[in-house]
């Protein structure tokens, strides 16, 4: 199974949406809440050049946010990434 990491905040509806899709797929993930941790927020920005959440990584590959995750699903590419 894939190693999935999601940078989130508690009040983010897009984070909830992304986690919902992963849950439907039966995928476990590591969640990093950046809402109260300035060091994690800075690490996220350095790693992705993005400030928004969620930011999702599958096996170390940055796939983007919730819309990007759903785009992979619609294109039929998400299952292959998650199988790796």
C-alpha atoms as a PDB file:
ATOM      1  CA  UNK A   1       0.000   0.000   0.000  1.00  0.00           C
ATOM      2  CA  UNK A   2       1.101   3.542  -0.710  1.00  0.00           C
ATOM      3  CA  UNK A   3       2.617   5.938   1.789  1.00  0.00           C
ATOM      4  CA  UNK A   4       0.201   8.899   1.828  1.00  0.00           C
ATOM      5  CA  UNK A   5       0.872  12.159   3.675  1.00  0.00           C
ATOM      6  CA  UNK A   6      -1.660  14.988   3.847  1.00  0.00           C
ATOM      7  CA  UNK A   7      -0.954  18.464   5.170  1.00  0.00           C
ATOM      8  CA  UNK A   8      -4.228  19.803   6.593  1.00  0.00           C
ATOM      9  CA  UNK A   9      -6.006  22.185   8.931  1.00  0.00           C
ATOM     10  CA  UNK A  10      -9.042  21.219  11.028  1.00  0.00           C
ATOM     11  CA  UNK A  11     -11.554  23.580   9.397  1.00  0.00           C
ATOM     12  CA  UNK A  12     -10.642  22.895   5.774  1.00  0.00           C
ATOM     13  CA  UNK A  13     -13.535  21.438   3.725  1.00  0.00           C
ATOM     14  CA  UNK A  14     -11.153  20.438   0.925  1.00  0.00           C
ATOM     15  CA  UNK A  15      -9.122  18.432   3.431  1.00  0.00           C
ATOM     16  CA  UNK A  16     -12.272  16.602   4.505  1.00  0.00           C
ATOM     17  CA  UNK A  17     -13.113  15.921   0.853  1.00  0.00           C
ATOM     18  CA  UNK A  18      -9.662  14.537   0.060  1.00  0.00           C
ATOM     19  CA  UNK A  19      -9.634  12.321   3.147  1.00  0.00           C
ATOM     20  CA  UNK A  20     -13.110  11.075   2.242  1.00  0.00           C
ATOM     21  CA  UNK A  21     -11.903   9.850  -1.153  1.00  0.00           C
ATOM     22  CA  UNK A  22      -8.882   8.151   0.387  1.00  0.00           C
ATOM     23  CA  UNK A  23     -11.112   6.526   2.996  1.00  0.00           C
ATOM     24  CA  UNK A  24     -13.394   5.202   0.218  1.00  0.00           C
ATOM     25  CA  UNK A  25     -10.293   3.716  -1.376  1.00  0.00           C
ATOM     26  CA  UNK A  26      -9.338   2.033   1.907  1.00  0.00           C
ATOM     27  CA  UNK A  27      -6.101   4.010   2.135  1.00  0.00           C
ATOM     28  CA  UNK A  28      -4.455   4.979   5.415  1.00  0.00           C
ATOM     29  CA  UNK A  29      -2.607   8.280   5.603  1.00  0.00           C
ATOM     30  CA  UNK A  30      -0.408  10.368   7.820  1.00  0.00           C
ATOM     31  CA  UNK A  31      -1.982  13.727   8.586  1.00  0.00           C
ATOM     32  CA  UNK A  32       0.125  16.767   9.403  1.00  0.00           C
ATOM     33  CA  UNK A  33      -1.932  19.597  10.903  1.00  0.00           C
ATOM     34  CA  UNK A  34      -0.218  22.868  10.025  1.00  0.00           C
ATOM     35  CA  UNK A  35      -2.762  25.128  11.729  1.00  0.00           C
ATOM     36  CA  UNK A  36      -0.843  25.496  14.977  1.00  0.00           C
ATOM     37  CA  UNK A  37       2.660  24.650  13.924  1.00  0.00           C
ATOM     38  CA  UNK A  38       4.553  27.415  12.158  1.00  0.00           C
ATOM     39  CA  UNK A  39       7.540  25.128  11.525  1.00  0.00           C
ATOM     40  CA  UNK A  40       5.363  22.569   9.714  1.00  0.00           C
ATOM     41  CA  UNK A  41       3.676  25.361   7.730  1.00  0.00           C
ATOM     42  CA  UNK A  42       7.092  26.675   6.656  1.00  0.00           C
ATOM     43  CA  UNK A  43       8.230  23.150   5.773  1.00  0.00           C
ATOM     44  CA  UNK A  44       5.098  22.715   3.652  1.00  0.00           C
ATOM     45  CA  UNK A  45       5.699  25.990   1.826  1.00  0.00           C
ATOM     46  CA  UNK A  46       9.341  25.111   1.177  1.00  0.00           C
ATOM     47  CA  UNK A  47       8.425  21.637  -0.020  1.00  0.00           C
ATOM     48  CA  UNK A  48       5.506  22.614  -2.288  1.00  0.00           C
ATOM     49  CA  UNK A  49       5.718  26.394  -2.842  1.00  0.00           C
ATOM     50  CA  UNK A  50       2.046  26.372  -1.749  1.00  0.00           C
ATOM     51  CA  UNK A  51       0.292  27.883   1.277  1.00  0.00           C
ATOM     52  CA  UNK A  52      -3.050  26.168   0.833  1.00  0.00           C
ATOM     53  CA  UNK A  53      -4.196  22.858   2.241  1.00  0.00           C
ATOM     54  CA  UNK A  54      -4.601  20.070   1.657  1.00  0.00           C
ATOM     55  CA  UNK A  55      -1.306  19.234   0.048  1.00  0.00           C
ATOM     56  CA  UNK A  56      -1.078  15.532  -0.678  1.00  0.00           C
ATOM     57  CA  UNK A  57       1.926  13.303  -1.213  1.00  0.00           C
ATOM     58  CA  UNK A  58       1.753   9.713  -2.426  1.00  0.00           C
ATOM     59  CA  UNK A  59       4.979   7.765  -2.046  1.00  0.00           C
ATOM     60  CA  UNK A  60       6.848  11.040  -1.716  1.00  0.00           C
ATOM     61  CA  UNK A  61       5.388  12.455  -4.935  1.00  0.00           C
ATOM     62  CA  UNK A  62       3.467  15.712  -4.547  1.00  0.00           C
ATOM     63  CA  UNK A  63       0.105  15.233  -6.250  1.00  0.00           C
ATOM     64  CA  UNK A  64      -1.349  18.588  -5.204  1.00  0.00           C
ATOM     65  CA  UNK A  65      -4.598  19.369  -3.438  1.00  0.00           C
ATOM     66  CA  UNK A  66      -8.075  17.921  -3.264  1.00  0.00           C
ATOM     67  CA  UNK A  67      -9.046  18.928  -6.804  1.00  0.00           C
ATOM     68  CA  UNK A  68      -5.859  17.326  -8.123  1.00  0.00           C
ATOM     69  CA  UNK A  69      -6.597  14.114  -6.205  1.00  0.00           C
ATOM     70  CA  UNK A  70     -10.102  13.945  -7.668  1.00  0.00           C
ATOM     71  CA  UNK A  71      -8.718  14.684 -11.150  1.00  0.00           C
ATOM     72  CA  UNK A  72      -6.420  11.685 -10.810  1.00  0.00           C
ATOM     73  CA  UNK A  73      -9.415   9.592  -9.782  1.00  0.00           C
ATOM     74  CA  UNK A  74     -11.519  10.759 -12.763  1.00  0.00           C
ATOM     75  CA  UNK A  75      -8.594  10.047 -15.126  1.00  0.00           C
ATOM     76  CA  UNK A  76      -8.260   6.520 -13.744  1.00  0.00           C
ATOM     77  CA  UNK A  77      -4.720   7.173 -12.474  1.00  0.00           C
ATOM     78  CA  UNK A  78      -5.224   7.303  -8.701  1.00  0.00           C
ATOM     79  CA  UNK A  79      -5.467   3.545  -8.116  1.00  0.00           C
ATOM     80  CA  UNK A  80      -2.111   2.970  -9.826  1.00  0.00           C
ATOM     81  CA  UNK A  81      -0.454   5.589  -7.623  1.00  0.00           C
ATOM     82  CA  UNK A  82      -2.003   4.102  -4.498  1.00  0.00           C
ATOM     83  CA  UNK A  83      -0.952   0.577  -5.475  1.00  0.00           C
ATOM     84  CA  UNK A  84       2.705   1.610  -5.525  1.00  0.00           C
END
